[in-house]
């Protein structure tokens, strides 16, 4: 089976994340915008990560692409690609839609700019995408089953149950064990087991700044240790997954 990971926004904690993936012999694609309030990596640090993992584009300034006209979208997408191509001295192959927002027009413009594919934020995917520009994921590393404000405080509003409500029926449909509803780590391990049974793809994605905010680094490392107990794991970047089809 294949395991791949992807990480958005270019936060400084991506440095820690890249080292952790290397430690467990895993691969990731880090999607970096040129300008974003959450980005805190320097250009040199982006280059350093690109020497050990894959770098992908995440728009020029992390805009709402579906709210822009075609010329504005082209400026965002081509600006992102030109910036990273020049910075890394090689073409970047992958694009991640900011906030997961895209439509057919956005997809076509991303294709026009020479990308191999684009990653969405759709979850519960275990197979190769039919459309390279709608690459799904398996699971987002994010508090579950309840939404949190930070590591120690829950979001005590109507949004408290949103993580559970978004995944509840998908968990049932996938036939995952009942303990999947208890914690994110249980859910992630069960989804990995499901991917393994299908001889499919396990695609973990997230943001390193969320790992900081919600104190989920231990959960992540526990999952990586669990994954590495198994043989016949093929670790690939996002573009390598698509190229393997």
Protein backbone atom coordinates (compact mmCIF):
# COMPACT_ATOMS: atom_id res chain seq x y z
CA UNK A 1 0.00 0.00 0.00
CA UNK A 2 0.93 3.64 -0.44
CA UNK A 3 1.19 6.35 2.21
CA UNK A 4 1.52 10.01 1.38
CA UNK A 5 1.14 13.19 3.40
CA UNK A 6 0.57 16.86 2.61
CA UNK A 7 0.84 20.08 4.59
CA UNK A 8 -0.45 23.56 3.83
CA UNK A 9 0.43 27.22 4.47
CA UNK A 10 4.21 27.26 5.03
CA UNK A 11 4.26 27.74 8.79
CA UNK A 12 7.62 27.61 10.55
CA UNK A 13 6.63 24.37 12.30
CA UNK A 14 6.88 22.71 8.88
CA UNK A 15 10.59 22.42 9.68
CA UNK A 16 9.80 20.20 12.65
CA UNK A 17 7.29 18.29 10.57
CA UNK A 18 9.72 17.60 7.73
CA UNK A 19 12.29 16.24 10.20
CA UNK A 20 9.64 14.02 11.82
CA UNK A 21 8.62 12.56 8.47
CA UNK A 22 12.27 11.89 7.64
CA UNK A 23 12.74 10.19 11.00
CA UNK A 24 10.02 7.66 10.09
CA UNK A 25 11.03 7.32 6.47
CA UNK A 26 7.85 8.97 5.18
CA UNK A 27 7.25 11.48 2.42
CA UNK A 28 5.26 14.67 2.24
CA UNK A 29 4.31 17.53 -0.05
CA UNK A 30 4.48 20.96 1.57
CA UNK A 31 2.21 23.49 -0.14
CA UNK A 32 3.65 26.98 0.19
CA UNK A 33 1.92 30.28 -0.67
CA UNK A 34 4.06 33.29 -1.53
CA UNK A 35 2.11 35.59 0.79
CA UNK A 36 -0.12 34.39 3.63
CA UNK A 37 -0.61 35.56 7.22
CA UNK A 38 0.10 31.99 8.38
CA UNK A 39 3.32 31.61 6.42
CA UNK A 40 6.42 32.15 8.55
CA UNK A 41 9.03 30.14 6.61
CA UNK A 42 11.80 32.07 4.92
CA UNK A 43 12.65 31.38 1.29
CA UNK A 44 15.81 29.59 2.38
CA UNK A 45 13.82 27.37 4.74
CA UNK A 46 11.46 26.50 1.88
CA UNK A 47 14.51 25.50 -0.17
CA UNK A 48 15.80 23.41 2.74
CA UNK A 49 12.50 21.54 3.06
CA UNK A 50 12.47 21.07 -0.71
CA UNK A 51 15.81 19.29 -0.48
CA UNK A 52 14.26 16.50 1.60
CA UNK A 53 10.54 16.62 0.77
CA UNK A 54 8.34 17.89 -2.07
CA UNK A 55 7.24 21.52 -2.39
CA UNK A 56 3.92 22.37 -4.03
CA UNK A 57 2.14 25.64 -4.78
CA UNK A 58 -0.67 26.99 -2.60
CA UNK A 59 -1.64 30.12 -4.55
CA UNK A 60 0.24 33.43 -4.57
CA UNK A 61 -1.49 35.04 -1.62
CA UNK A 62 -3.93 32.34 -0.43
CA UNK A 63 -6.96 34.01 -2.00
CA UNK A 64 -10.56 32.79 -2.47
CA UNK A 65 -10.07 31.64 -6.06
CA UNK A 66 -13.74 30.90 -6.74
CA UNK A 67 -14.56 34.56 -6.03
CA UNK A 68 -12.11 35.91 -8.63
CA UNK A 69 -12.44 36.53 -12.35
CA UNK A 70 -10.36 34.43 -14.80
CA UNK A 71 -7.56 37.01 -15.15
CA UNK A 72 -7.23 37.30 -11.38
CA UNK A 73 -7.14 33.52 -11.00
CA UNK A 74 -4.42 33.24 -13.66
CA UNK A 75 -2.38 35.88 -11.86
CA UNK A 76 -2.64 33.99 -8.58
CA UNK A 77 -1.86 30.56 -10.02
CA UNK A 78 0.92 31.59 -12.43
CA UNK A 79 2.45 33.86 -9.80
CA UNK A 80 2.59 30.98 -7.34
CA UNK A 81 4.19 28.64 -9.86
CA UNK A 82 6.72 31.17 -11.15
CA UNK A 83 7.76 32.08 -7.63
CA UNK A 84 8.43 28.48 -6.58
CA UNK A 85 9.92 27.38 -9.91
CA UNK A 86 12.46 30.19 -9.64
CA UNK A 87 13.10 29.69 -5.94
CA UNK A 88 13.70 25.94 -6.23
CA UNK A 89 15.33 26.09 -9.69
CA UNK A 90 12.98 23.33 -10.91
CA UNK A 91 9.30 23.08 -11.84
CA UNK A 92 6.86 22.37 -9.02
CA UNK A 93 4.35 19.68 -9.98
CA UNK A 94 1.52 19.97 -7.45
CA UNK A 95 -1.01 22.60 -6.45
CA UNK A 96 -3.29 22.75 -3.40
CA UNK A 97 -6.48 24.82 -3.60
CA UNK A 98 -6.49 27.44 -0.82
CA UNK A 99 -9.20 26.57 1.73
CA UNK A 100 -10.14 23.69 -0.57
CA UNK A 101 -12.14 26.10 -2.76
CA UNK A 102 -12.22 25.35 -6.48
CA UNK A 103 -14.52 24.97 -9.47
CA UNK A 104 -14.11 23.88 -13.08
CA UNK A 105 -12.70 27.26 -14.11
CA UNK A 106 -10.06 27.16 -11.37
CA UNK A 107 -9.14 23.58 -12.30
CA UNK A 108 -8.65 24.46 -15.95
CA UNK A 109 -6.41 27.41 -15.11
CA UNK A 110 -4.30 25.24 -12.80
CA UNK A 111 -3.95 22.73 -15.66
CA UNK A 112 -2.98 25.51 -18.07
CA UNK A 113 -0.07 26.44 -15.82
CA UNK A 114 1.62 23.08 -16.21
CA UNK A 115 0.85 21.38 -12.90
CA UNK A 116 0.62 17.60 -12.80
CA UNK A 117 -2.29 17.69 -10.37
CA UNK A 118 -4.02 19.48 -7.52
CA UNK A 119 -5.00 18.35 -4.04
CA UNK A 120 -8.39 19.04 -2.49
CA UNK A 121 -9.49 18.73 1.16
CA UNK A 122 -11.97 15.92 0.49
CA UNK A 123 -11.49 13.07 2.98
CA UNK A 124 -12.17 9.31 3.12
CA UNK A 125 -10.34 8.68 -0.14
CA UNK A 126 -8.39 5.43 -0.38
CA UNK A 127 -7.67 5.19 -4.10
CA UNK A 128 -5.97 6.98 -6.97
CA UNK A 129 -8.06 9.94 -8.18
CA UNK A 130 -9.74 9.61 -11.55
CA UNK A 131 -9.13 13.33 -12.00
CA UNK A 132 -5.58 14.41 -11.11
CA UNK A 133 -6.91 17.90 -10.33
CA UNK A 134 -9.28 16.59 -7.69
CA UNK A 135 -6.85 14.56 -5.60
CA UNK A 136 -8.57 13.57 -2.38
CA UNK A 137 -7.17 12.79 1.05
CA UNK A 138 -7.91 10.15 3.65
CA UNK A 139 -7.91 12.14 6.89
CA UNK A 140 -7.16 15.62 8.20
CA UNK A 141 -5.25 15.81 11.48
CA UNK A 142 -7.65 17.94 13.49
CA UNK A 143 -9.44 17.62 16.87
CA UNK A 144 -12.12 14.93 16.84
CA UNK A 145 -14.87 14.22 17.83
CA UNK A 146 -15.29 17.72 19.31
CA UNK A 147 -14.07 21.06 17.99
CA UNK A 148 -11.51 22.93 20.10
CA UNK A 149 -10.43 26.54 20.40
CA UNK A 150 -6.94 25.47 21.47
CA UNK A 151 -5.23 22.54 23.16
CA UNK A 152 -7.16 22.90 26.42
CA UNK A 153 -10.47 24.57 25.59
CA UNK A 154 -13.43 23.29 23.60
CA UNK A 155 -15.45 25.40 21.20
CA UNK A 156 -18.58 25.61 23.39
CA UNK A 157 -20.99 26.75 20.69
CA UNK A 158 -23.13 25.03 18.08
CA UNK A 159 -19.84 24.21 16.33
CA UNK A 160 -18.73 21.87 19.15
CA UNK A 161 -20.03 18.77 17.33
CA UNK A 162 -19.07 19.83 13.81
CA UNK A 163 -16.07 17.42 13.44
CA UNK A 164 -18.27 14.51 14.53
CA UNK A 165 -21.24 15.52 12.38
CA UNK A 166 -19.08 15.88 9.27
CA UNK A 167 -17.59 12.41 9.63
CA UNK A 168 -20.34 10.42 11.36
CA UNK A 169 -22.05 8.90 8.32
CA UNK A 170 -18.80 8.47 6.41
CA UNK A 171 -17.40 6.43 9.30
CA UNK A 172 -20.52 4.24 9.26
CA UNK A 173 -20.47 3.90 5.47
CA UNK A 174 -16.79 2.91 5.51
CA UNK A 175 -17.53 0.26 8.14
CA UNK A 176 -14.91 1.41 10.63
CA UNK A 177 -14.84 0.03 14.20
CA UNK A 178 -17.00 1.78 16.81
CA UNK A 179 -13.94 3.15 18.65
CA UNK A 180 -13.35 5.43 15.66
CA UNK A 181 -15.83 7.82 17.28
CA UNK A 182 -13.76 8.20 20.45
CA UNK A 183 -10.67 10.06 19.28
CA UNK A 184 -8.81 11.33 16.25
CA UNK A 185 -6.00 8.84 16.81
CA UNK A 186 -8.38 5.87 16.88
CA UNK A 187 -10.06 7.12 13.72
CA UNK A 188 -6.73 7.66 11.94
CA UNK A 189 -5.42 4.19 12.84
CA UNK A 190 -8.66 2.55 11.73
CA UNK A 191 -8.60 4.45 8.44
CA UNK A 192 -5.01 3.37 7.90
CA UNK A 193 -6.05 -0.25 8.53
CA UNK A 194 -8.87 0.19 6.02
CA UNK A 195 -6.45 1.51 3.39
CA UNK A 196 -4.13 -1.42 4.10
CA UNK A 197 -6.92 -3.97 3.63
CA UNK A 198 -7.81 -2.35 0.32
CA UNK A 199 -4.11 -2.23 -0.68
CA UNK A 200 -4.91 1.40 -1.35
CA UNK A 201 -3.64 4.84 -0.43
CA UNK A 202 -3.53 6.46 3.00
CA UNK A 203 -3.25 10.24 2.58
CA UNK A 204 -2.77 12.23 5.77
CA UNK A 205 -2.97 16.02 5.49
CA UNK A 206 -3.00 19.03 7.76
CA UNK A 207 -1.29 22.21 8.92
CA UNK A 208 1.71 22.29 11.22
CA UNK A 209 0.29 25.40 12.92
CA UNK A 210 -2.77 23.34 13.90
CA UNK A 211 -0.50 20.71 15.40
CA UNK A 212 0.86 23.51 17.58
CA UNK A 213 -2.52 25.08 18.38
CA UNK A 214 -4.22 21.83 19.35
CA UNK A 215 -1.12 20.08 20.76
CA UNK A 216 -1.43 17.12 18.39
CA UNK A 217 2.25 16.37 17.82
CA UNK A 218 2.12 13.31 20.09
CA UNK A 219 -0.94 12.00 18.22
CA UNK A 220 0.89 12.44 14.93
CA UNK A 221 4.01 10.64 16.12
CA UNK A 222 1.93 7.84 17.63
CA UNK A 223 0.27 7.35 14.23
CA UNK A 224 3.60 7.37 12.40
CA UNK A 225 4.95 4.73 14.78
CA UNK A 226 1.83 2.64 14.15
CA UNK A 227 2.26 2.91 10.39
CA UNK A 228 5.91 1.94 10.52
CA UNK A 229 5.13 -1.34 12.28
CA UNK A 230 3.92 -2.69 8.96
CA UNK A 231 5.95 -3.96 6.04
CA UNK A 232 5.29 -3.29 2.36
CA UNK A 233 4.56 0.40 2.93
CA UNK A 234 5.48 2.56 -0.06
CA UNK A 235 6.09 6.16 1.04
CA UNK A 236 5.53 8.70 -1.75
CA UNK A 237 5.03 12.42 -2.25
CA UNK A 238 1.74 13.60 -3.75
CA UNK A 239 3.18 13.90 -7.26
CA UNK A 240 4.79 10.47 -7.00
CA UNK A 241 1.37 9.01 -6.15
CA UNK A 242 -0.08 10.47 -9.34
CA UNK A 243 2.91 9.45 -11.45
CA UNK A 244 2.56 5.88 -10.20
CA UNK A 245 -0.87 5.50 -11.80
